[in-house]
Amino acid sequence: MDVDASSLPIGPKGTRWPGWSGARRFDAGRPGPRSPNSRGGTIRSHTRGVDVPALSWLELPAGPAVQLLDQTRLPAEETTVTCADVPALIDAIRRLVVRGAPLLGVAGAFGVALAACRGDDVAQAAAAIERARPTAVNLAWGARRALAAYQQARQPAGKGHEDHQDTERAAARAALAEARLIAAEDAAASAAMAVHGLALISPDARVLTHCNTGALVSAGEGTAFAVILAAHRAGRLAMLWVAETRPLLQGARLTAYEAGRAGIRHAVLADSAAASLLAAGEVDIVLTGADRIAADGSVANKVGTYGLAVLASHHKVPFVVVAPMSTVDPDTPDGAAIIVEHRPADEVTRIAGKQVAPGGTSAYNPAFDVTPPGLLTAIVTEHGVARPVNAGTLRVLSAGSCNAEGPPADVYVER
């Protein structure tokens, strides 16, 4: 069924894509929906080269919903999960249907808007969303921003000047507007990070990346992968090495998927092969994202990141983290204060649904590890580049933004 303009997928800087309609399912590699105004071209959402947007807000006859591209099914198929209430959205977040720090911030905000539009207890819904994944700070950040917008819009209700239902509708619209603003800001941040990060990429660079940091985790083109795309377009990228990222293979499944569609020369490697690759001198820079950055510059990211940082340090290869300022958490003083999510054992003992370890085998399965700032060469944000990485440089970046169009030297913070 067709939906109104407010249900169109989020595009770069909050734009809407014409001609997109309804909740559909597409197999990977097949043409996507076409617009009468597109002259036969396939409509693309902010998810580069993917036929289905990573997140959409739908206004359906039965009520609003959040539609998510099911990233657990990629690359085999592009199929969606429609969340008509907050419990369904929380389940999708926990199952990694939607993932990645920036997009989780967007999803958290739209979840609060969904609760407000349904007439649910919005504060309770926001708190439940925050708890869905404890390490990714953007999730709580996005939910709190939308909740604050909702609560501010409700204030006149207590003064008796407006009809209560009108006030609730206005508050729901405020929460939804804030969610859309967060998405637009994330798209703009992605573009700015690409500009700042490109200055760190030398000609004919061989880049190693871990996990997935592209448009599947952002309202724009991603974090670390946005820099990789910028290097590719500038003709500076000779090779992209993609760590498989056990146990759920976000690198092999998702980053390779996005790299292939972008026409980037790439190869997947077993996580344990990174050491020999670096020892052979085949890597010029390591680029990763982040799920939480503590005030001192410690970085929580997909498990395996810390090991790569140690290897890069030993082999004197720059190790750079790319993340928006929303991922920097000043309330987390250092790496020891970061709560690391642990996930079910069967993610390790099973692969693609098949048991590979003896029945009853336990597993140590942290979703993230923490890399101390001393192992980082730089952190790239939309406000500029922190180098060296410490509490002082992050505070300077937090205080104000730099002009993404200015000279690259202007964005560095040296201490």
Protein backbone atom coordinates (compact mmCIF):
# COMPACT_ATOMS: atom_id res chain seq x y z
CA MET A 1 0.00 0.00 0.00
CA ASP A 2 1.16 3.57 -0.58
CA VAL A 3 2.01 5.78 2.37
CA ASP A 4 2.09 9.55 2.74
CA ALA A 5 5.17 11.73 2.38
CA SER A 6 6.01 11.55 6.09
CA SER A 7 6.77 7.85 5.72
CA LEU A 8 9.42 8.27 3.06
CA PRO A 9 12.85 6.98 4.06
CA ILE A 10 15.35 9.32 5.60
CA GLY A 11 17.94 10.51 3.13
CA PRO A 12 21.05 12.62 3.44
CA LYS A 13 20.49 15.76 5.54
CA GLY A 14 16.88 14.77 6.19
CA THR A 15 15.73 14.81 2.57
CA ARG A 16 12.91 12.55 1.42
CA TRP A 17 13.11 10.31 -1.58
CA PRO A 18 10.25 10.71 -4.10
CA GLY A 19 8.33 7.76 -5.34
CA TRP A 20 9.13 5.37 -2.49
CA SER A 21 6.10 3.58 -1.15
CA GLY A 22 5.19 1.12 1.49
CA ALA A 23 6.89 -1.78 3.24
CA ARG A 24 8.36 -4.11 0.67
CA ARG A 25 10.84 -6.92 0.47
CA PHE A 26 13.67 -7.06 -2.02
CA ASP A 27 16.26 -9.71 -2.69
CA ALA A 28 19.82 -8.43 -2.71
CA GLY A 29 20.97 -7.46 -6.18
CA ARG A 30 17.53 -6.93 -7.65
CA PRO A 31 16.29 -3.53 -8.80
CA GLY A 32 14.64 -1.41 -6.14
CA PRO A 33 11.46 0.69 -6.34
CA ARG A 34 11.30 3.19 -9.18
CA SER A 35 9.88 6.67 -9.22
CA PRO A 36 7.87 8.10 -12.11
CA ASN A 37 10.30 11.05 -12.01
CA SER A 38 13.44 8.95 -11.87
CA ARG A 39 13.62 8.29 -15.63
CA GLY A 40 13.97 4.60 -14.97
CA GLY A 41 16.70 4.95 -12.32
CA THR A 42 16.55 2.94 -9.13
CA ILE A 43 15.64 4.98 -6.07
CA ARG A 44 18.40 4.83 -3.43
CA SER A 45 17.98 5.66 0.21
CA HIS A 46 20.73 6.87 2.53
CA THR A 47 21.87 3.24 2.65
CA ARG A 48 24.29 3.46 -0.26
CA GLY A 49 23.56 0.92 -2.99
CA VAL A 50 20.89 -0.82 -0.90
CA ASP A 51 17.33 -1.01 -2.12
CA VAL A 52 15.69 -0.75 1.32
CA PRO A 53 16.45 2.08 3.77
CA ALA A 54 17.99 1.12 7.09
CA LEU A 55 15.23 2.94 9.00
CA SER A 56 11.93 4.50 7.95
CA TRP A 57 9.06 6.14 9.81
CA LEU A 58 5.72 4.89 8.48
CA GLU A 59 2.25 6.44 8.83
CA LEU A 60 0.02 3.43 8.24
CA PRO A 61 -3.78 3.17 8.53
CA ALA A 62 -3.35 1.12 11.71
CA GLY A 63 -1.02 3.72 13.19
CA PRO A 64 2.63 4.78 12.99
CA ALA A 65 5.49 2.32 12.91
CA VAL A 66 9.25 2.17 12.58
CA GLN A 67 10.42 0.02 9.69
CA LEU A 68 13.94 -1.45 9.81
CA LEU A 69 16.09 -3.19 7.25
CA ASP A 70 16.85 -6.55 8.88
CA GLN A 71 20.64 -6.56 9.01
CA THR A 72 20.68 -10.10 10.39
CA ARG A 73 19.49 -11.31 6.97
CA LEU A 74 22.09 -9.50 4.88
CA PRO A 75 23.65 -10.13 2.43
CA ALA A 76 21.35 -12.98 1.42
CA GLU A 77 18.24 -10.81 1.24
CA GLU A 78 16.99 -7.32 1.94
CA THR A 79 13.91 -7.72 4.08
CA THR A 80 12.28 -5.47 6.64
CA VAL A 81 10.95 -5.67 10.18
CA THR A 82 8.05 -3.35 11.02
CA CYS A 83 7.86 -2.29 14.66
CA ALA A 84 4.40 -1.03 15.61
CA ASP A 85 5.27 -0.55 19.28
CA VAL A 86 8.27 -0.03 21.53
CA PRO A 87 8.62 -3.66 22.71
CA ALA A 88 8.95 -4.75 19.07
CA LEU A 89 11.58 -2.08 18.47
CA ILE A 90 13.54 -3.11 21.57
CA ASP A 91 13.47 -6.72 20.42
CA ALA A 92 14.81 -5.64 17.02
CA ILE A 93 17.59 -3.64 18.66
CA ARG A 94 18.62 -6.55 20.87
CA ARG A 95 18.58 -8.98 17.93
CA LEU A 96 20.80 -6.58 15.91
CA VAL A 97 18.16 -6.04 13.24
CA VAL A 98 19.27 -2.42 13.63
CA ARG A 99 22.76 -1.71 14.95
CA GLY A 100 25.67 0.72 14.96
CA ALA A 101 26.00 3.68 17.31
CA PRO A 102 24.72 6.54 15.11
CA LEU A 103 21.72 4.64 13.76
CA LEU A 104 20.87 3.37 17.24
CA GLY A 105 20.65 7.01 18.30
CA VAL A 106 18.21 7.65 15.47
CA ALA A 107 16.26 4.48 16.29
CA GLY A 108 16.06 5.42 19.98
CA ALA A 109 14.60 8.81 19.13
CA PHE A 110 12.05 7.39 16.73
CA GLY A 111 11.14 4.79 19.37
CA VAL A 112 10.25 7.57 21.81
CA ALA A 113 8.25 9.30 19.07
CA LEU A 114 6.44 6.02 18.43
CA ALA A 115 5.50 5.71 22.09
CA ALA A 116 4.27 9.31 22.12
CA CYS A 117 2.13 8.84 19.02
CA ARG A 118 0.61 5.66 20.49
CA GLY A 119 -0.25 7.37 23.77
CA ASP A 120 2.06 5.11 25.78
CA ASP A 121 3.96 6.07 28.92
CA VAL A 122 6.73 7.92 27.08
CA ALA A 123 9.18 8.23 29.97
CA GLN A 124 8.85 4.53 30.67
CA ALA A 125 9.35 3.71 27.00
CA ALA A 126 12.47 5.89 26.82
CA ALA A 127 13.95 4.16 29.86
CA ALA A 128 13.28 0.74 28.35
CA ILE A 129 14.91 1.76 25.06
CA GLU A 130 17.99 3.03 26.92
CA ARG A 131 18.45 -0.37 28.58
CA ALA A 132 18.21 -2.34 25.33
CA ARG A 133 21.97 -2.17 24.68
CA PRO A 134 24.05 -0.70 27.51
CA THR A 135 27.37 -0.01 25.75
CA ALA A 136 26.18 2.03 22.76
CA VAL A 137 25.78 5.51 24.24
CA ASN A 138 23.97 6.94 21.19
CA LEU A 139 20.90 4.81 21.91
CA ALA A 140 20.28 6.47 25.27
CA TRP A 141 21.35 9.85 23.91
CA GLY A 142 18.79 9.75 21.09
CA ALA A 143 15.99 8.51 23.36
CA ARG A 144 16.69 11.25 25.91
CA ARG A 145 16.70 14.00 23.30
CA ALA A 146 13.32 12.94 21.93
CA LEU A 147 11.95 12.55 25.47
CA ALA A 148 13.11 16.06 26.39
CA ALA A 149 11.38 17.49 23.31
CA TYR A 150 8.20 15.61 24.20
CA GLN A 151 8.24 16.77 27.83
CA GLN A 152 8.93 20.38 26.92
CA ALA A 153 5.98 20.42 24.51
CA ARG A 154 3.68 19.01 27.22
CA GLN A 155 4.35 21.75 29.76
CA PRO A 156 1.32 23.91 28.84
CA ALA A 157 -1.00 20.97 29.66
CA GLY A 158 -0.53 21.50 33.39
CA LYS A 159 -1.58 25.15 33.17
CA GLY A 160 -5.04 24.49 31.82
CA HIS A 161 -4.62 26.69 28.76
CA GLU A 162 -4.98 23.95 26.17
CA ASP A 163 -7.00 20.82 25.62
CA HIS A 164 -5.08 17.83 27.00
CA GLN A 165 -5.46 15.81 23.81
CA ASP A 166 -4.23 18.71 21.69
CA THR A 167 -1.22 19.08 23.95
CA GLU A 168 -0.42 15.37 23.73
CA ARG A 169 -0.64 15.49 19.94
CA ALA A 170 1.66 18.51 19.86
CA ALA A 171 4.09 16.74 22.19
CA ALA A 172 4.12 13.67 19.96
CA ARG A 173 4.82 15.88 16.94
CA ALA A 174 7.67 17.49 18.86
CA ALA A 175 9.23 14.11 19.64
CA LEU A 176 8.94 13.06 16.00
CA ALA A 177 10.44 16.34 14.82
CA GLU A 178 13.37 15.84 17.18
CA ALA A 179 13.94 12.32 15.84
CA ARG A 180 14.01 13.66 12.30
CA LEU A 181 16.40 16.40 13.37
CA ILE A 182 18.74 13.81 14.92
CA ALA A 183 18.73 11.90 11.64
CA ALA A 184 19.51 15.05 9.65
CA GLU A 185 22.31 15.97 12.05
CA ASP A 186 23.79 12.50 11.75
CA ALA A 187 23.81 12.72 7.96
CA ALA A 188 25.59 16.08 8.15
CA ALA A 189 28.06 14.70 10.71
CA SER A 190 28.83 11.77 8.43
CA ALA A 191 29.69 14.13 5.56
CA ALA A 192 31.89 16.28 7.80
CA MET A 193 33.76 13.26 9.19
CA ALA A 194 34.48 12.13 5.65
CA VAL A 195 36.09 15.50 4.88
CA HIS A 196 38.18 15.55 8.05
CA GLY A 197 39.18 11.91 7.81
CA LEU A 198 40.23 12.11 4.17
CA ALA A 199 43.15 14.33 5.21
CA LEU A 200 44.60 11.32 7.06
CA ILE A 201 44.56 9.02 4.02
CA SER A 202 47.72 8.96 1.92
CA PRO A 203 47.72 8.18 -1.82
CA ASP A 204 47.42 4.47 -2.70
CA ALA A 205 46.42 3.70 0.88
CA ARG A 206 45.76 0.16 2.03
CA VAL A 207 43.12 0.43 4.77
CA LEU A 208 42.14 -2.21 7.32
CA THR A 209 38.72 -1.87 8.93
CA HIS A 210 36.78 -3.86 11.52
CA CYS A 211 33.06 -4.51 11.92
CA ASN A 212 30.63 -2.37 9.86
CA THR A 213 30.63 1.41 9.83
CA GLY A 214 28.85 2.38 6.62
CA ALA A 215 25.41 3.68 5.74
CA LEU A 216 23.85 0.64 7.40
CA VAL A 217 24.73 2.26 10.74
CA SER A 218 24.01 5.89 9.91
CA ALA A 219 21.56 8.36 8.43
CA GLY A 220 24.42 9.36 6.13
CA GLU A 221 27.25 7.31 4.62
CA GLY A 222 28.62 6.15 7.93
CA THR A 223 31.63 6.85 10.13
CA ALA A 224 34.88 5.05 9.25
CA PHE A 225 33.34 3.76 6.03
CA ALA A 226 32.39 7.31 5.04
CA VAL A 227 36.11 8.16 5.15
CA ILE A 228 36.87 5.03 3.13
CA LEU A 229 34.28 6.06 0.53
CA ALA A 230 35.78 9.55 0.37
CA ALA A 231 39.24 8.05 -0.19
CA HIS A 232 37.86 5.77 -2.90
CA ARG A 233 36.22 8.69 -4.71
CA ALA A 234 39.39 10.74 -4.42
CA GLY A 235 41.44 7.95 -5.99
CA ARG A 236 43.51 7.44 -2.85
CA LEU A 237 42.31 3.94 -1.89
CA ALA A 238 44.36 1.06 -3.25
CA MET A 239 42.89 -1.72 -1.11
CA LEU A 240 40.32 -2.23 1.64
CA TRP A 241 41.02 -5.08 4.04
CA VAL A 242 37.84 -6.18 5.84
CA ALA A 243 38.20 -8.10 9.10
CA GLU A 244 35.46 -10.74 9.21
CA THR A 245 34.45 -9.66 12.75
CA ARG A 246 33.55 -12.79 14.61
CA PRO A 247 31.26 -14.03 15.95
CA LEU A 248 28.48 -12.42 13.88
CA LEU A 249 30.59 -11.54 10.84
CA GLN A 250 29.52 -7.93 10.45
CA GLY A 251 32.64 -7.33 8.38
CA ALA A 252 32.26 -10.31 6.06
CA ARG A 253 28.49 -9.90 5.71
CA LEU A 254 27.91 -6.16 5.84
CA THR A 255 31.10 -4.21 5.11
CA ALA A 256 31.98 -6.46 2.18
CA TYR A 257 28.37 -6.01 1.01
CA GLU A 258 28.65 -2.22 1.07
CA ALA A 259 32.18 -2.19 -0.36
CA GLY A 260 31.15 -4.38 -3.28
CA ARG A 261 28.21 -2.18 -4.13
CA ALA A 262 30.41 0.90 -3.98
CA GLY A 263 32.92 -0.65 -6.39
CA ILE A 264 35.74 -0.69 -3.83
CA ARG A 265 38.53 -3.22 -4.26
CA HIS A 266 38.42 -5.26 -1.08
CA ALA A 267 39.15 -8.61 0.53
CA VAL A 268 37.84 -10.27 3.69
CA LEU A 269 40.34 -11.73 6.13
CA ALA A 270 39.95 -13.94 9.16
CA ASP A 271 40.29 -11.83 12.31
CA SER A 272 43.32 -13.90 13.33
CA ALA A 273 45.06 -13.08 10.01
CA ALA A 274 45.36 -9.36 10.80
CA ALA A 275 48.64 -9.86 12.66
CA SER A 276 50.44 -11.44 9.71
CA LEU A 277 48.92 -8.89 7.32
CA LEU A 278 50.31 -6.01 9.39
CA ALA A 279 53.66 -7.78 9.83
CA ALA A 280 53.92 -8.11 6.05
CA GLY A 281 53.58 -4.33 5.66
CA GLU A 282 50.32 -4.62 3.75
CA VAL A 283 48.38 -2.07 5.85
CA ASP A 284 48.94 1.69 5.86
CA ILE A 285 46.18 2.72 8.29
CA VAL A 286 43.48 1.09 10.45
CA LEU A 287 40.07 2.80 10.55
CA THR A 288 37.28 1.77 12.94
CA GLY A 289 34.14 3.23 14.44
CA ALA A 290 33.11 3.44 18.10
CA ASP A 291 30.09 2.67 20.26
CA ARG A 292 31.16 4.81 23.21
CA ILE A 293 34.11 7.13 23.78
CA ALA A 294 34.90 7.92 27.41
CA ALA A 295 35.96 11.39 28.56
CA ASP A 296 39.63 10.36 28.60
CA GLY A 297 39.49 9.05 25.01
CA SER A 298 39.08 5.36 25.77
CA VAL A 299 37.06 3.74 23.00
CA ALA A 300 34.55 0.91 23.26
CA ASN A 301 34.01 -0.77 19.90
CA LYS A 302 33.24 -4.18 18.46
CA VAL A 303 35.28 -6.90 20.15
CA GLY A 304 38.58 -7.35 18.35
CA THR A 305 39.24 -3.62 18.06
CA TYR A 306 41.63 -3.57 21.03
CA GLY A 307 43.68 -6.40 19.55
CA LEU A 308 43.97 -4.53 16.26
CA ALA A 309 45.08 -1.39 18.11
CA VAL A 310 47.83 -3.33 19.90
CA LEU A 311 49.00 -4.82 16.60
CA ALA A 312 48.93 -1.46 14.86
CA SER A 313 50.95 0.11 17.66
CA HIS A 314 53.56 -2.66 17.48
CA HIS A 315 53.90 -2.28 13.72
CA LYS A 316 53.78 1.54 13.86
CA VAL A 317 50.64 1.76 11.71
CA PRO A 318 48.23 4.65 12.44
CA PHE A 319 45.08 3.56 14.27
CA VAL A 320 42.21 6.01 13.78
CA VAL A 321 38.68 5.98 15.23
CA VAL A 322 35.89 7.80 13.38
CA ALA A 323 32.76 8.69 15.37
CA PRO A 324 30.36 11.61 15.83
CA MET A 325 30.53 13.77 18.94
CA SER A 326 27.30 12.13 20.12
CA THR A 327 29.36 9.00 20.78
CA VAL A 328 31.67 10.90 23.17
CA ASP A 329 30.25 10.43 26.68
CA PRO A 330 31.62 12.99 29.17
CA ASP A 331 29.77 11.19 31.97
CA THR A 332 31.95 8.10 31.48
CA PRO A 333 35.32 9.13 32.92
CA ASP A 334 37.49 6.33 31.52
CA GLY A 335 37.52 2.91 29.93
CA ALA A 336 37.05 1.07 33.21
CA ALA A 337 33.68 2.80 33.65
CA ILE A 338 32.29 1.53 30.33
CA ILE A 339 29.74 -1.25 30.75
CA VAL A 340 30.51 -3.97 28.20
CA GLU A 341 27.53 -5.90 26.88
CA HIS A 342 27.83 -9.70 26.93
CA ARG A 343 25.77 -11.64 24.45
CA PRO A 344 24.41 -15.22 24.26
CA ALA A 345 26.82 -18.14 24.00
CA ASP A 346 25.13 -19.55 20.90
CA GLU A 347 26.43 -16.62 18.83
CA VAL A 348 29.86 -18.23 19.30
CA THR A 349 28.98 -21.92 19.43
CA ARG A 350 26.75 -21.77 16.34
CA ILE A 351 27.44 -20.36 12.87
CA ALA A 352 24.54 -19.58 10.54
CA GLY A 353 22.29 -21.65 12.77
CA LYS A 354 24.55 -24.70 12.73
CA GLN A 355 26.09 -26.00 15.94
CA VAL A 356 29.89 -26.05 15.61
CA ALA A 357 30.91 -26.60 19.25
CA PRO A 358 29.91 -29.62 21.34
CA GLY A 359 26.49 -29.30 22.91
CA GLY A 360 26.49 -27.58 26.26
CA THR A 361 29.75 -25.72 25.59
CA SER A 362 29.85 -22.34 27.33
CA ALA A 363 31.27 -19.24 25.64
CA TYR A 364 32.84 -15.92 26.54
CA ASN A 365 31.07 -13.48 24.25
CA PRO A 366 31.60 -9.78 24.99
CA ALA A 367 30.12 -7.66 22.22
CA PHE A 368 32.78 -4.97 22.69
CA ASP A 369 36.25 -4.33 24.04
CA VAL A 370 37.88 -1.12 25.23
CA THR A 371 40.95 0.46 23.64
CA PRO A 372 42.91 2.94 25.80
CA PRO A 373 43.70 6.36 24.30
CA GLY A 374 47.44 5.70 24.28
CA LEU A 375 46.95 3.23 21.43
CA LEU A 376 44.99 5.69 19.27
CA THR A 377 46.59 7.94 16.68
CA ALA A 378 43.51 10.15 16.33
CA ILE A 379 39.75 10.39 16.73
CA VAL A 380 37.90 11.93 13.78
CA THR A 381 34.61 13.70 14.55
CA GLU A 382 32.39 16.12 12.68
CA HIS A 383 34.01 18.93 14.70
CA GLY A 384 37.54 18.00 13.68
CA VAL A 385 40.32 15.59 14.57
CA ALA A 386 41.59 15.01 18.11
CA ARG A 387 45.31 14.25 17.97
CA PRO A 388 46.73 13.28 20.39
CA VAL A 389 43.74 11.58 21.97
CA ASN A 390 43.16 12.72 25.53
CA ALA A 391 40.59 14.46 27.72
CA GLY A 392 41.86 17.89 26.71
CA THR A 393 41.57 17.46 22.96
CA LEU A 394 38.10 15.94 23.29
CA ARG A 395 36.98 18.85 25.47
CA VAL A 396 38.19 21.32 22.85
CA LEU A 397 36.24 19.53 20.13
CA SER A 398 33.15 19.35 22.34
CA ALA A 399 33.27 23.11 22.86
CA GLY A 400 32.65 23.99 19.21
CA SER A 401 32.73 22.89 15.63
CA CYS A 402 35.25 23.55 12.88
CA ASN A 403 34.43 24.41 9.30
CA ALA A 404 34.42 21.17 7.29
CA GLU A 405 35.28 23.18 4.18
CA GLY A 406 38.38 24.77 5.73
CA PRO A 407 41.98 23.64 5.36
CA PRO A 408 42.63 20.22 6.91
CA ALA A 409 45.28 21.68 9.24
CA ASP A 410 42.61 23.82 10.88
CA VAL A 411 40.74 20.82 12.26
CA TYR A 412 43.56 19.28 14.26
CA VAL A 413 43.75 19.81 17.98
CA GLU A 414 47.32 19.50 19.17
CA ARG A 415 48.25 19.35 22.85
